[in-house]
Amino acid sequence: MLKEKKEQILEAAKDVLLKKGIFKTRVEDITNDLGIAKGSFYTYFKSKDMLLEEIIERVYKIREEELELLLGQPLNYRDQLKSFIIKRLMISSENLQSHLILINLTRNLEHLTPILREKLLKIEFLNRKFLKEIIKNIPDKDYSEEEIDIMIIFIMGGIKSYRLERLFFKNADDYFISDIEEFKERIKAINLEKEVELVVNGILKLLTGGN
């Protein structure tokens, strides 16, 4: 029962955070949406920031499980890289709200607590860690640690820029999409599978010298 109540609060909070805005949302906005007392919220989350920390941690765990499963599969480096990029771009509907919240947090890093910034960086470092393992699996390539780190910065930066501009960018005023339905319409409007293939092929040329 306690776990179920916590999940209800968490899901309601995601809706309110996206509709009202992360920094404009107050705890009472979430509790009013659910029709519960503020005390019920504080039973599970000591503050709004702690609720945001929970959302980030859950995204981290999902990502970690995805990447561990990916590296555990008998795939060559090309298929591993493609799967890695697809997972970064093709967000499942059940995790979409959380990702939209993280996007909005990331573009406001200067307003976040050190703990929230640290948790967001954990996801970035996790992605870099697994990308490094994929690069190390490329046959006939003996990159130094420094070379791998430089390529990872370049690749991750490219994926992030593509992801933000093609999937989440809205306009100069609102900047990023925060509405679920609007995001789904964006996905329908582009040939994501074809574009992912272009991104993957470009990165593979970088890593293998066009071989």
N, C-alpha and C. Protein backbone atom coordinates (compact mmCIF):
# COMPACT_ATOMS: atom_id res chain seq x y z
N MET A 1 0.83 -1.21 0.00
CA MET A 1 0.00 0.00 0.00
C MET A 1 0.87 1.26 0.00
N LEU A 2 1.92 1.27 0.84
CA LEU A 2 2.82 2.42 0.90
C LEU A 2 3.52 2.62 -0.43
N LYS A 3 3.96 1.51 -1.02
CA LYS A 3 4.65 1.59 -2.31
C LYS A 3 3.70 2.10 -3.39
N GLU A 4 2.47 1.64 -3.36
CA GLU A 4 1.47 2.07 -4.33
C GLU A 4 1.21 3.57 -4.20
N LYS A 5 1.12 4.06 -2.97
CA LYS A 5 0.87 5.49 -2.73
C LYS A 5 2.05 6.32 -3.23
N LYS A 6 3.25 5.84 -3.00
CA LYS A 6 4.44 6.55 -3.47
C LYS A 6 4.44 6.66 -4.99
N GLU A 7 4.05 5.58 -5.66
CA GLU A 7 4.01 5.59 -7.12
C GLU A 7 2.95 6.56 -7.62
N GLN A 8 1.82 6.63 -6.93
CA GLN A 8 0.76 7.57 -7.33
C GLN A 8 1.25 9.01 -7.24
N ILE A 9 1.95 9.30 -6.15
CA ILE A 9 2.49 10.65 -5.97
C ILE A 9 3.52 10.97 -7.04
N LEU A 10 4.38 10.01 -7.32
CA LEU A 10 5.45 10.20 -8.30
C LEU A 10 4.87 10.46 -9.69
N GLU A 11 3.88 9.66 -10.09
CA GLU A 11 3.29 9.82 -11.42
C GLU A 11 2.52 11.13 -11.53
N ALA A 12 1.79 11.48 -10.49
CA ALA A 12 1.06 12.75 -10.49
C ALA A 12 2.03 13.92 -10.56
N ALA A 13 3.13 13.80 -9.85
CA ALA A 13 4.14 14.86 -9.83
C ALA A 13 4.72 15.08 -11.23
N LYS A 14 4.95 14.02 -11.97
CA LYS A 14 5.50 14.16 -13.32
C LYS A 14 4.56 14.97 -14.19
N ASP A 15 3.28 14.69 -14.10
CA ASP A 15 2.28 15.43 -14.88
C ASP A 15 2.32 16.92 -14.54
N VAL A 16 2.33 17.21 -13.25
CA VAL A 16 2.30 18.61 -12.81
C VAL A 16 3.60 19.33 -13.18
N LEU A 17 4.72 18.66 -13.00
CA LEU A 17 6.02 19.26 -13.31
C LEU A 17 6.11 19.66 -14.78
N LEU A 18 5.57 18.82 -15.66
CA LEU A 18 5.63 19.11 -17.09
C LEU A 18 4.61 20.17 -17.51
N LYS A 19 3.45 20.14 -16.89
CA LYS A 19 2.40 21.10 -17.27
C LYS A 19 2.68 22.50 -16.71
N LYS A 20 3.10 22.54 -15.45
CA LYS A 20 3.29 23.83 -14.77
C LYS A 20 4.71 24.36 -14.90
N GLY A 21 5.65 23.45 -15.08
CA GLY A 21 7.06 23.85 -15.11
C GLY A 21 7.76 23.40 -13.85
N ILE A 22 8.95 22.86 -13.99
CA ILE A 22 9.66 22.29 -12.85
C ILE A 22 9.88 23.30 -11.73
N PHE A 23 10.29 24.50 -12.09
CA PHE A 23 10.65 25.48 -11.06
C PHE A 23 9.46 26.26 -10.54
N LYS A 24 8.36 26.21 -11.27
CA LYS A 24 7.14 26.88 -10.81
C LYS A 24 6.28 25.95 -9.95
N THR A 25 6.50 24.66 -10.07
CA THR A 25 5.69 23.69 -9.34
C THR A 25 6.02 23.70 -7.86
N ARG A 26 4.99 23.76 -7.04
CA ARG A 26 5.15 23.66 -5.59
C ARG A 26 4.60 22.32 -5.12
N VAL A 27 4.97 21.94 -3.93
CA VAL A 27 4.49 20.68 -3.37
C VAL A 27 2.97 20.67 -3.32
N GLU A 28 2.36 21.81 -2.95
CA GLU A 28 0.90 21.86 -2.87
C GLU A 28 0.23 21.70 -4.23
N ASP A 29 0.94 22.07 -5.30
CA ASP A 29 0.38 21.84 -6.64
C ASP A 29 0.23 20.34 -6.90
N ILE A 30 1.22 19.59 -6.45
CA ILE A 30 1.19 18.13 -6.63
C ILE A 30 0.12 17.50 -5.75
N THR A 31 0.06 17.93 -4.50
CA THR A 31 -0.92 17.34 -3.58
C THR A 31 -2.35 17.75 -3.96
N ASN A 32 -2.52 18.97 -4.45
CA ASN A 32 -3.85 19.40 -4.91
C ASN A 32 -4.30 18.57 -6.10
N ASP A 33 -3.37 18.26 -6.99
CA ASP A 33 -3.70 17.46 -8.16
C ASP A 33 -4.16 16.06 -7.75
N LEU A 34 -3.55 15.54 -6.70
CA LEU A 34 -3.91 14.21 -6.21
C LEU A 34 -5.06 14.23 -5.21
N GLY A 35 -5.31 15.41 -4.64
CA GLY A 35 -6.36 15.51 -3.63
C GLY A 35 -5.94 14.90 -2.30
N ILE A 36 -4.67 15.09 -1.93
CA ILE A 36 -4.16 14.58 -0.66
C ILE A 36 -3.55 15.71 0.16
N ALA A 37 -3.34 15.46 1.44
CA ALA A 37 -2.71 16.45 2.31
C ALA A 37 -1.20 16.51 2.03
N LYS A 38 -0.61 17.67 2.31
CA LYS A 38 0.84 17.82 2.10
C LYS A 38 1.62 16.83 2.94
N GLY A 39 1.06 16.48 4.11
CA GLY A 39 1.73 15.53 4.98
C GLY A 39 1.94 14.18 4.32
N SER A 40 0.99 13.79 3.46
CA SER A 40 1.11 12.52 2.74
C SER A 40 2.30 12.56 1.79
N PHE A 41 2.49 13.70 1.14
CA PHE A 41 3.65 13.85 0.24
C PHE A 41 4.95 13.70 1.03
N TYR A 42 5.03 14.40 2.17
CA TYR A 42 6.26 14.40 2.94
C TYR A 42 6.54 13.06 3.62
N THR A 43 5.56 12.17 3.64
CA THR A 43 5.80 10.82 4.15
C THR A 43 6.78 10.07 3.23
N TYR A 44 6.71 10.38 1.95
CA TYR A 44 7.52 9.65 0.96
C TYR A 44 8.68 10.48 0.42
N PHE A 45 8.49 11.78 0.35
CA PHE A 45 9.53 12.67 -0.17
C PHE A 45 9.66 13.88 0.75
N LYS A 46 10.85 14.12 1.25
CA LYS A 46 11.05 15.21 2.20
C LYS A 46 10.98 16.59 1.55
N SER A 47 11.10 16.62 0.22
CA SER A 47 11.04 17.89 -0.51
C SER A 47 10.80 17.60 -1.98
N LYS A 48 10.53 18.65 -2.75
CA LYS A 48 10.38 18.50 -4.20
C LYS A 48 11.70 18.03 -4.82
N ASP A 49 12.80 18.54 -4.30
CA ASP A 49 14.11 18.12 -4.82
C ASP A 49 14.35 16.63 -4.63
N MET A 50 13.90 16.09 -3.49
CA MET A 50 14.07 14.66 -3.25
C MET A 50 13.22 13.84 -4.23
N LEU A 51 12.07 14.37 -4.60
CA LEU A 51 11.24 13.70 -5.61
C LEU A 51 11.97 13.72 -6.96
N LEU A 52 12.57 14.84 -7.30
CA LEU A 52 13.34 14.94 -8.55
C LEU A 52 14.54 13.99 -8.53
N GLU A 53 15.17 13.86 -7.38
CA GLU A 53 16.29 12.92 -7.25
C GLU A 53 15.82 11.50 -7.53
N GLU A 54 14.64 11.16 -7.05
CA GLU A 54 14.08 9.82 -7.27
C GLU A 54 13.85 9.58 -8.76
N ILE A 55 13.32 10.58 -9.46
CA ILE A 55 13.08 10.44 -10.90
C ILE A 55 14.40 10.20 -11.64
N ILE A 56 15.43 10.96 -11.30
CA ILE A 56 16.74 10.80 -11.95
C ILE A 56 17.32 9.43 -11.65
N GLU A 57 17.23 9.00 -10.40
CA GLU A 57 17.79 7.70 -10.02
C GLU A 57 17.12 6.56 -10.78
N ARG A 58 15.83 6.68 -11.00
CA ARG A 58 15.12 5.62 -11.72
C ARG A 58 15.55 5.58 -13.18
N VAL A 59 15.74 6.73 -13.78
CA VAL A 59 16.25 6.77 -15.16
C VAL A 59 17.64 6.15 -15.22
N TYR A 60 18.46 6.46 -14.22
CA TYR A 60 19.82 5.90 -14.16
C TYR A 60 19.78 4.37 -14.11
N LYS A 61 18.94 3.83 -13.25
CA LYS A 61 18.87 2.37 -13.10
C LYS A 61 18.39 1.69 -14.37
N ILE A 62 17.39 2.29 -15.02
CA ILE A 62 16.89 1.73 -16.29
C ILE A 62 18.00 1.74 -17.33
N ARG A 63 18.70 2.87 -17.41
CA ARG A 63 19.79 3.00 -18.39
C ARG A 63 20.91 1.99 -18.10
N GLU A 64 21.25 1.83 -16.84
CA GLU A 64 22.31 0.90 -16.46
C GLU A 64 21.94 -0.53 -16.85
N GLU A 65 20.70 -0.92 -16.59
CA GLU A 65 20.23 -2.27 -16.95
C GLU A 65 20.25 -2.46 -18.47
N GLU A 66 19.83 -1.44 -19.22
CA GLU A 66 19.84 -1.52 -20.68
C GLU A 66 21.25 -1.73 -21.21
N LEU A 67 22.19 -0.98 -20.68
CA LEU A 67 23.56 -1.04 -21.18
C LEU A 67 24.26 -2.34 -20.78
N GLU A 68 23.99 -2.81 -19.58
CA GLU A 68 24.57 -4.09 -19.15
C GLU A 68 24.04 -5.23 -20.01
N LEU A 69 22.76 -5.16 -20.33
CA LEU A 69 22.15 -6.18 -21.21
C LEU A 69 22.77 -6.09 -22.60
N LEU A 70 22.97 -4.89 -23.09
CA LEU A 70 23.56 -4.69 -24.41
C LEU A 70 24.95 -5.30 -24.51
N LEU A 71 25.80 -4.99 -23.54
CA LEU A 71 27.18 -5.51 -23.59
C LEU A 71 27.23 -7.00 -23.33
N GLY A 72 26.20 -7.54 -22.72
CA GLY A 72 26.17 -8.98 -22.45
C GLY A 72 25.71 -9.80 -23.63
N GLN A 73 25.22 -9.13 -24.68
CA GLN A 73 24.75 -9.85 -25.86
C GLN A 73 25.91 -10.13 -26.82
N PRO A 74 25.82 -11.25 -27.56
CA PRO A 74 26.89 -11.62 -28.50
C PRO A 74 26.81 -10.82 -29.80
N LEU A 75 26.99 -9.50 -29.69
CA LEU A 75 26.92 -8.62 -30.85
C LEU A 75 28.30 -8.11 -31.21
N ASN A 76 28.50 -7.81 -32.50
CA ASN A 76 29.76 -7.17 -32.87
C ASN A 76 29.68 -5.69 -32.51
N TYR A 77 30.79 -4.99 -32.63
CA TYR A 77 30.84 -3.60 -32.17
C TYR A 77 29.88 -2.70 -32.95
N ARG A 78 29.65 -3.02 -34.23
CA ARG A 78 28.74 -2.21 -35.04
C ARG A 78 27.30 -2.29 -34.48
N ASP A 79 26.86 -3.51 -34.20
CA ASP A 79 25.51 -3.69 -33.67
C ASP A 79 25.38 -3.14 -32.26
N GLN A 80 26.46 -3.26 -31.48
CA GLN A 80 26.45 -2.70 -30.14
C GLN A 80 26.30 -1.18 -30.19
N LEU A 81 27.06 -0.55 -31.08
CA LEU A 81 27.01 0.90 -31.21
C LEU A 81 25.63 1.34 -31.69
N LYS A 82 25.09 0.63 -32.66
CA LYS A 82 23.77 0.98 -33.17
C LYS A 82 22.72 0.87 -32.07
N SER A 83 22.78 -0.21 -31.31
CA SER A 83 21.82 -0.39 -30.20
C SER A 83 22.00 0.71 -29.15
N PHE A 84 23.25 1.06 -28.88
CA PHE A 84 23.55 2.12 -27.91
C PHE A 84 22.89 3.43 -28.33
N ILE A 85 23.05 3.79 -29.61
CA ILE A 85 22.50 5.06 -30.10
C ILE A 85 20.98 5.01 -30.16
N ILE A 86 20.43 3.90 -30.60
CA ILE A 86 18.97 3.75 -30.65
C ILE A 86 18.36 3.94 -29.26
N LYS A 87 19.01 3.37 -28.25
CA LYS A 87 18.51 3.51 -26.89
C LYS A 87 18.57 4.96 -26.41
N ARG A 88 19.53 5.73 -26.95
CA ARG A 88 19.63 7.14 -26.57
C ARG A 88 18.55 7.99 -27.25
N LEU A 89 18.08 7.53 -28.41
CA LEU A 89 17.16 8.35 -29.20
C LEU A 89 15.71 7.88 -29.14
N MET A 90 15.51 6.57 -29.08
CA MET A 90 14.15 6.03 -29.09
C MET A 90 13.70 5.76 -27.66
N ILE A 91 12.97 6.70 -27.10
CA ILE A 91 12.57 6.63 -25.71
C ILE A 91 11.22 5.93 -25.60
N SER A 92 11.13 4.94 -24.74
CA SER A 92 9.88 4.22 -24.56
C SER A 92 8.82 5.13 -23.94
N SER A 93 7.57 4.88 -24.26
CA SER A 93 6.48 5.75 -23.81
C SER A 93 6.38 5.80 -22.29
N GLU A 94 6.70 4.68 -21.61
CA GLU A 94 6.57 4.66 -20.15
C GLU A 94 7.65 5.49 -19.46
N ASN A 95 8.74 5.78 -20.17
CA ASN A 95 9.81 6.59 -19.59
C ASN A 95 9.85 8.00 -20.14
N LEU A 96 8.92 8.32 -21.02
CA LEU A 96 8.97 9.60 -21.73
C LEU A 96 8.85 10.79 -20.79
N GLN A 97 7.93 10.74 -19.86
CA GLN A 97 7.77 11.85 -18.92
C GLN A 97 9.05 12.13 -18.15
N SER A 98 9.68 11.06 -17.67
CA SER A 98 10.91 11.22 -16.90
C SER A 98 12.01 11.86 -17.74
N HIS A 99 12.11 11.44 -19.01
CA HIS A 99 13.14 11.99 -19.89
C HIS A 99 12.88 13.46 -20.20
N LEU A 100 11.63 13.82 -20.39
CA LEU A 100 11.31 15.22 -20.63
C LEU A 100 11.66 16.07 -19.41
N ILE A 101 11.45 15.54 -18.23
CA ILE A 101 11.83 16.25 -17.00
C ILE A 101 13.34 16.41 -16.93
N LEU A 102 14.08 15.35 -17.27
CA LEU A 102 15.54 15.42 -17.23
C LEU A 102 16.07 16.43 -18.25
N ILE A 103 15.45 16.48 -19.43
CA ILE A 103 15.85 17.46 -20.44
C ILE A 103 15.72 18.87 -19.88
N ASN A 104 14.59 19.14 -19.23
CA ASN A 104 14.36 20.47 -18.68
C ASN A 104 15.28 20.77 -17.49
N LEU A 105 15.62 19.77 -16.72
CA LEU A 105 16.58 19.96 -15.63
C LEU A 105 17.97 20.27 -16.19
N THR A 106 18.35 19.54 -17.23
CA THR A 106 19.69 19.70 -17.80
C THR A 106 19.90 21.10 -18.36
N ARG A 107 18.86 21.70 -18.91
CA ARG A 107 19.03 23.05 -19.48
C ARG A 107 18.96 24.14 -18.41
N ASN A 108 18.79 23.73 -17.16
CA ASN A 108 18.76 24.69 -16.05
C ASN A 108 19.70 24.28 -14.93
N LEU A 109 20.86 23.75 -15.32
CA LEU A 109 21.80 23.22 -14.33
C LEU A 109 22.19 24.24 -13.27
N GLU A 110 22.30 25.51 -13.68
CA GLU A 110 22.75 26.53 -12.74
C GLU A 110 21.75 26.76 -11.61
N HIS A 111 20.51 26.33 -11.79
CA HIS A 111 19.48 26.53 -10.78
C HIS A 111 19.28 25.29 -9.89
N LEU A 112 20.03 24.24 -10.17
CA LEU A 112 19.84 22.99 -9.43
C LEU A 112 20.75 22.90 -8.22
N THR A 113 20.35 22.07 -7.28
CA THR A 113 21.21 21.80 -6.12
C THR A 113 22.40 20.95 -6.57
N PRO A 114 23.49 20.97 -5.82
CA PRO A 114 24.65 20.13 -6.16
C PRO A 114 24.30 18.65 -6.28
N ILE A 115 23.37 18.18 -5.45
CA ILE A 115 22.99 16.76 -5.49
C ILE A 115 22.29 16.43 -6.80
N LEU A 116 21.38 17.30 -7.24
CA LEU A 116 20.68 17.06 -8.50
C LEU A 116 21.66 17.10 -9.68
N ARG A 117 22.58 18.04 -9.67
CA ARG A 117 23.58 18.11 -10.75
C ARG A 117 24.44 16.85 -10.76
N GLU A 118 24.83 16.41 -9.59
CA GLU A 118 25.66 15.21 -9.49
C GLU A 118 24.94 13.98 -10.03
N LYS A 119 23.64 13.86 -9.74
CA LYS A 119 22.88 12.70 -10.20
C LYS A 119 22.69 12.73 -11.72
N LEU A 120 22.50 13.92 -12.28
CA LEU A 120 22.41 14.03 -13.73
C LEU A 120 23.73 13.65 -14.39
N LEU A 121 24.84 14.07 -13.79
CA LEU A 121 26.15 13.74 -14.34
C LEU A 121 26.44 12.24 -14.26
N LYS A 122 25.86 11.58 -13.28
CA LYS A 122 26.04 10.12 -13.17
C LYS A 122 25.54 9.41 -14.41
N ILE A 123 24.43 9.88 -14.97
CA ILE A 123 23.88 9.27 -16.18
C ILE A 123 24.82 9.50 -17.35
N GLU A 124 25.37 10.71 -17.43
CA GLU A 124 26.32 11.03 -18.50
C GLU A 124 27.56 10.14 -18.40
N PHE A 125 28.10 10.00 -17.21
CA PHE A 125 29.30 9.17 -17.02
C PHE A 125 29.01 7.70 -17.29
N LEU A 126 27.79 7.27 -16.98
CA LEU A 126 27.40 5.88 -17.25
C LEU A 126 27.42 5.63 -18.76
N ASN A 127 26.83 6.54 -19.53
CA ASN A 127 26.83 6.40 -20.98
C ASN A 127 28.25 6.38 -21.54
N ARG A 128 29.11 7.23 -21.02
CA ARG A 128 30.49 7.28 -21.49
C ARG A 128 31.24 5.98 -21.16
N LYS A 129 30.97 5.45 -20.00
CA LYS A 129 31.62 4.21 -19.57
C LYS A 129 31.32 3.07 -20.54
N PHE A 130 30.05 2.92 -20.90
CA PHE A 130 29.67 1.81 -21.78
C PHE A 130 30.09 2.07 -23.22
N LEU A 131 30.08 3.32 -23.65
CA LEU A 131 30.56 3.64 -25.00
C LEU A 131 32.04 3.31 -25.11
N LYS A 132 32.78 3.54 -24.04
CA LYS A 132 34.21 3.20 -24.03
C LYS A 132 34.41 1.70 -24.22
N GLU A 133 33.58 0.90 -23.57
CA GLU A 133 33.69 -0.55 -23.72
C GLU A 133 33.42 -0.98 -25.16
N ILE A 134 32.47 -0.31 -25.81
CA ILE A 134 32.16 -0.65 -27.20
C ILE A 134 33.34 -0.30 -28.10
N ILE A 135 33.92 0.87 -27.90
CA ILE A 135 35.06 1.30 -28.73
C ILE A 135 36.25 0.35 -28.54
N LYS A 136 36.44 -0.12 -27.34
CA LYS A 136 37.55 -1.03 -27.08
C LYS A 136 37.38 -2.37 -27.78
N ASN A 137 36.15 -2.68 -28.19
CA ASN A 137 35.89 -3.94 -28.88
C ASN A 137 36.12 -3.86 -30.39
N ILE A 138 36.46 -2.68 -30.89
CA ILE A 138 36.69 -2.53 -32.34
C ILE A 138 37.98 -3.26 -32.70
N PRO A 139 37.91 -4.22 -33.60
CA PRO A 139 39.12 -4.98 -33.96
C PRO A 139 40.12 -4.15 -34.76
N ASP A 140 41.39 -4.47 -34.59
CA ASP A 140 42.47 -3.83 -35.34
C ASP A 140 42.59 -2.34 -35.07
N LYS A 141 42.08 -1.90 -33.94
CA LYS A 141 42.23 -0.51 -33.54
C LYS A 141 42.79 -0.47 -32.12
N ASP A 142 43.91 0.18 -31.99
CA ASP A 142 44.56 0.23 -30.68
C ASP A 142 44.61 1.69 -30.20
N TYR A 143 43.45 2.21 -29.88
CA TYR A 143 43.37 3.60 -29.45
C TYR A 143 43.92 3.73 -28.03
N SER A 144 44.58 4.85 -27.76
CA SER A 144 45.01 5.14 -26.39
C SER A 144 43.81 5.59 -25.58
N GLU A 145 43.95 5.61 -24.26
CA GLU A 145 42.86 6.06 -23.39
C GLU A 145 42.49 7.50 -23.70
N GLU A 146 43.50 8.32 -23.98
CA GLU A 146 43.24 9.72 -24.29
C GLU A 146 42.45 9.86 -25.60
N GLU A 147 42.82 9.07 -26.60
CA GLU A 147 42.11 9.11 -27.88
C GLU A 147 40.65 8.66 -27.71
N ILE A 148 40.46 7.61 -26.93
CA ILE A 148 39.09 7.13 -26.69
C ILE A 148 38.27 8.19 -25.98
N ASP A 149 38.86 8.82 -24.99
CA ASP A 149 38.13 9.86 -24.24
C ASP A 149 37.73 11.02 -25.15
N ILE A 150 38.62 11.41 -26.05
CA ILE A 150 38.32 12.51 -26.97
C ILE A 150 37.18 12.11 -27.92
N MET A 151 37.23 10.89 -28.44
CA MET A 151 36.18 10.42 -29.35
C MET A 151 34.84 10.32 -28.63
N ILE A 152 34.88 9.89 -27.39
CA ILE A 152 33.64 9.77 -26.61
C ILE A 152 33.00 11.15 -26.41
N ILE A 153 33.82 12.15 -26.09
CA ILE A 153 33.29 13.52 -25.91
C ILE A 153 32.63 13.98 -27.20
N PHE A 154 33.29 13.72 -28.33
CA PHE A 154 32.77 14.14 -29.63
C PHE A 154 31.47 13.40 -29.96
N ILE A 155 31.47 12.09 -29.78
CA ILE A 155 30.30 11.27 -30.11
C ILE A 155 29.11 11.61 -29.21
N MET A 156 29.36 11.68 -27.91
CA MET A 156 28.27 11.99 -26.98
C MET A 156 27.71 13.38 -27.22
N GLY A 157 28.60 14.32 -27.56
CA GLY A 157 28.14 15.67 -27.86
C GLY A 157 27.26 15.68 -29.10
N GLY A 158 27.66 14.91 -30.11
CA GLY A 158 26.88 14.83 -31.34
C GLY A 158 25.52 14.20 -31.12
N ILE A 159 25.47 13.12 -30.38
CA ILE A 159 24.20 12.45 -30.09
C ILE A 159 23.29 13.38 -29.29
N LYS A 160 23.86 14.06 -28.31
CA LYS A 160 23.07 14.96 -27.47
C LYS A 160 22.50 16.11 -28.29
N SER A 161 23.33 16.70 -29.18
CA SER A 161 22.87 17.81 -30.00
C SER A 161 21.76 17.37 -30.95
N TYR A 162 21.95 16.20 -31.57
CA TYR A 162 20.92 15.68 -32.47
C TYR A 162 19.64 15.44 -31.70
N ARG A 163 19.75 14.79 -30.56
CA ARG A 163 18.59 14.43 -29.73
C ARG A 163 17.80 15.66 -29.33
N LEU A 164 18.51 16.70 -28.89
CA LEU A 164 17.83 17.91 -28.44
C LEU A 164 17.17 18.65 -29.60
N GLU A 165 17.93 18.83 -30.69
CA GLU A 165 17.41 19.65 -31.79
C GLU A 165 16.32 18.94 -32.59
N ARG A 166 16.49 17.67 -32.88
CA ARG A 166 15.53 16.96 -33.72
C ARG A 166 14.33 16.44 -32.95
N LEU A 167 14.54 16.07 -31.68
CA LEU A 167 13.45 15.45 -30.94
C LEU A 167 12.78 16.38 -29.93
N PHE A 168 13.55 17.31 -29.34
CA PHE A 168 13.00 18.08 -28.23
C PHE A 168 12.91 19.58 -28.46
N PHE A 169 13.67 20.12 -29.41
CA PHE A 169 13.66 21.57 -29.61
C PHE A 169 12.30 22.03 -30.13
N LYS A 170 11.80 23.13 -29.56
CA LYS A 170 10.48 23.63 -29.94
C LYS A 170 10.60 24.95 -30.69
N ASN A 171 10.95 26.01 -29.98
CA ASN A 171 11.15 27.31 -30.61
C ASN A 171 11.96 28.20 -29.68
N ALA A 172 12.27 29.38 -30.14
CA ALA A 172 13.14 30.27 -29.37
C ALA A 172 12.51 30.71 -28.05
N ASP A 173 11.18 30.69 -27.99
CA ASP A 173 10.50 31.14 -26.76
C ASP A 173 10.38 30.03 -25.71
N ASP A 174 9.82 28.89 -26.13
CA ASP A 174 9.63 27.78 -25.19
C ASP A 174 10.86 26.88 -25.12
N TYR A 175 11.64 26.89 -26.18
CA TYR A 175 12.90 26.17 -26.30
C TYR A 175 12.72 24.66 -26.41
N PHE A 176 12.26 23.99 -25.35
CA PHE A 176 12.12 22.54 -25.43
C PHE A 176 10.69 22.08 -25.20
N ILE A 177 10.31 21.03 -25.91
CA ILE A 177 9.00 20.41 -25.74
C ILE A 177 8.87 19.87 -24.31
N SER A 178 7.72 20.09 -23.71
CA SER A 178 7.47 19.53 -22.38
C SER A 178 6.13 18.79 -22.34
N ASP A 179 5.46 18.74 -23.49
CA ASP A 179 4.16 18.09 -23.58
C ASP A 179 4.30 16.73 -24.27
N ILE A 180 3.75 15.69 -23.65
CA ILE A 180 3.89 14.33 -24.16
C ILE A 180 3.32 14.19 -25.57
N GLU A 181 2.13 14.69 -25.78
CA GLU A 181 1.47 14.54 -27.08
C GLU A 181 2.24 15.30 -28.17
N GLU A 182 2.76 16.44 -27.80
CA GLU A 182 3.55 17.22 -28.76
C GLU A 182 4.81 16.46 -29.18
N PHE A 183 5.41 15.78 -28.21
CA PHE A 183 6.60 14.98 -28.52
C PHE A 183 6.25 13.83 -29.46
N LYS A 184 5.13 13.17 -29.20
CA LYS A 184 4.70 12.05 -30.05
C LYS A 184 4.45 12.52 -31.48
N GLU A 185 3.90 13.73 -31.63
CA GLU A 185 3.67 14.28 -32.96
C GLU A 185 5.00 14.56 -33.65
N ARG A 186 5.98 15.01 -32.88
CA ARG A 186 7.30 15.27 -33.45
C ARG A 186 7.90 13.98 -34.00
N ILE A 187 7.78 12.90 -33.25
CA ILE A 187 8.32 11.61 -33.67
C ILE A 187 7.66 11.15 -34.97
N LYS A 188 6.34 11.35 -35.06
CA LYS A 188 5.61 10.94 -36.26
C LYS A 188 6.06 11.74 -37.49
N ALA A 189 6.49 12.97 -37.27
CA ALA A 189 6.81 13.87 -38.38
C ALA A 189 8.18 13.62 -39.00
N ILE A 190 9.02 12.82 -38.36
CA ILE A 190 10.35 12.56 -38.91
C ILE A 190 10.55 11.06 -39.09
N ASN A 191 11.45 10.72 -40.01
CA ASN A 191 11.80 9.32 -40.23
C ASN A 191 12.97 8.98 -39.31
N LEU A 192 12.62 8.69 -38.04
CA LEU A 192 13.65 8.51 -37.02
C LEU A 192 14.57 7.34 -37.34
N GLU A 193 14.00 6.25 -37.85
CA GLU A 193 14.81 5.07 -38.16
C GLU A 193 15.89 5.40 -39.20
N LYS A 194 15.50 6.13 -40.23
CA LYS A 194 16.45 6.51 -41.28
C LYS A 194 17.52 7.45 -40.73
N GLU A 195 17.10 8.39 -39.89
CA GLU A 195 18.04 9.36 -39.35
C GLU A 195 19.02 8.69 -38.38
N VAL A 196 18.52 7.74 -37.60
CA VAL A 196 19.41 7.00 -36.70
C VAL A 196 20.47 6.25 -37.50
N GLU A 197 20.06 5.68 -38.62
CA GLU A 197 21.00 4.95 -39.48
C GLU A 197 22.10 5.89 -39.98
N LEU A 198 21.73 7.11 -40.35
CA LEU A 198 22.71 8.10 -40.80
C LEU A 198 23.70 8.45 -39.68
N VAL A 199 23.16 8.64 -38.48
CA VAL A 199 24.00 8.98 -37.33
C VAL A 199 24.97 7.84 -37.03
N VAL A 200 24.46 6.62 -37.02
CA VAL A 200 25.29 5.44 -36.73
C VAL A 200 26.41 5.31 -37.76
N ASN A 201 26.07 5.42 -39.04
CA ASN A 201 27.08 5.27 -40.09
C ASN A 201 28.16 6.34 -39.99
N GLY A 202 27.76 7.56 -39.64
CA GLY A 202 28.73 8.64 -39.48
C GLY A 202 29.69 8.37 -38.34
N ILE A 203 29.17 7.88 -37.23
CA ILE A 203 30.02 7.59 -36.07
C ILE A 203 30.95 6.41 -36.37
N LEU A 204 30.43 5.42 -37.07
CA LEU A 204 31.26 4.26 -37.42
C LEU A 204 32.43 4.67 -38.32
N LYS A 205 32.19 5.58 -39.24
CA LYS A 205 33.28 6.07 -40.09
C LYS A 205 34.35 6.78 -39.27
N LEU A 206 33.91 7.52 -38.29
CA LEU A 206 34.86 8.19 -37.40
C LEU A 206 35.71 7.20 -36.65
N LEU A 207 35.08 6.14 -36.13
CA LEU A 207 35.78 5.19 -35.29
C LEU A 207 36.67 4.22 -36.07
N THR A 208 36.28 3.92 -37.30
CA THR A 208 37.01 2.90 -38.06
C THR A 208 37.79 3.48 -39.22
N GLY A 209 37.74 4.78 -39.40
CA GLY A 209 38.45 5.39 -40.52
C GLY A 209 37.80 5.08 -41.85
N GLY A 210 36.49 4.79 -41.85
CA GLY A 210 35.76 4.51 -43.07
C GLY A 210 35.79 3.07 -43.50
N ASN A 211 36.40 2.20 -42.67
CA ASN A 211 36.47 0.78 -43.03
C ASN A 211 35.18 0.05 -42.65
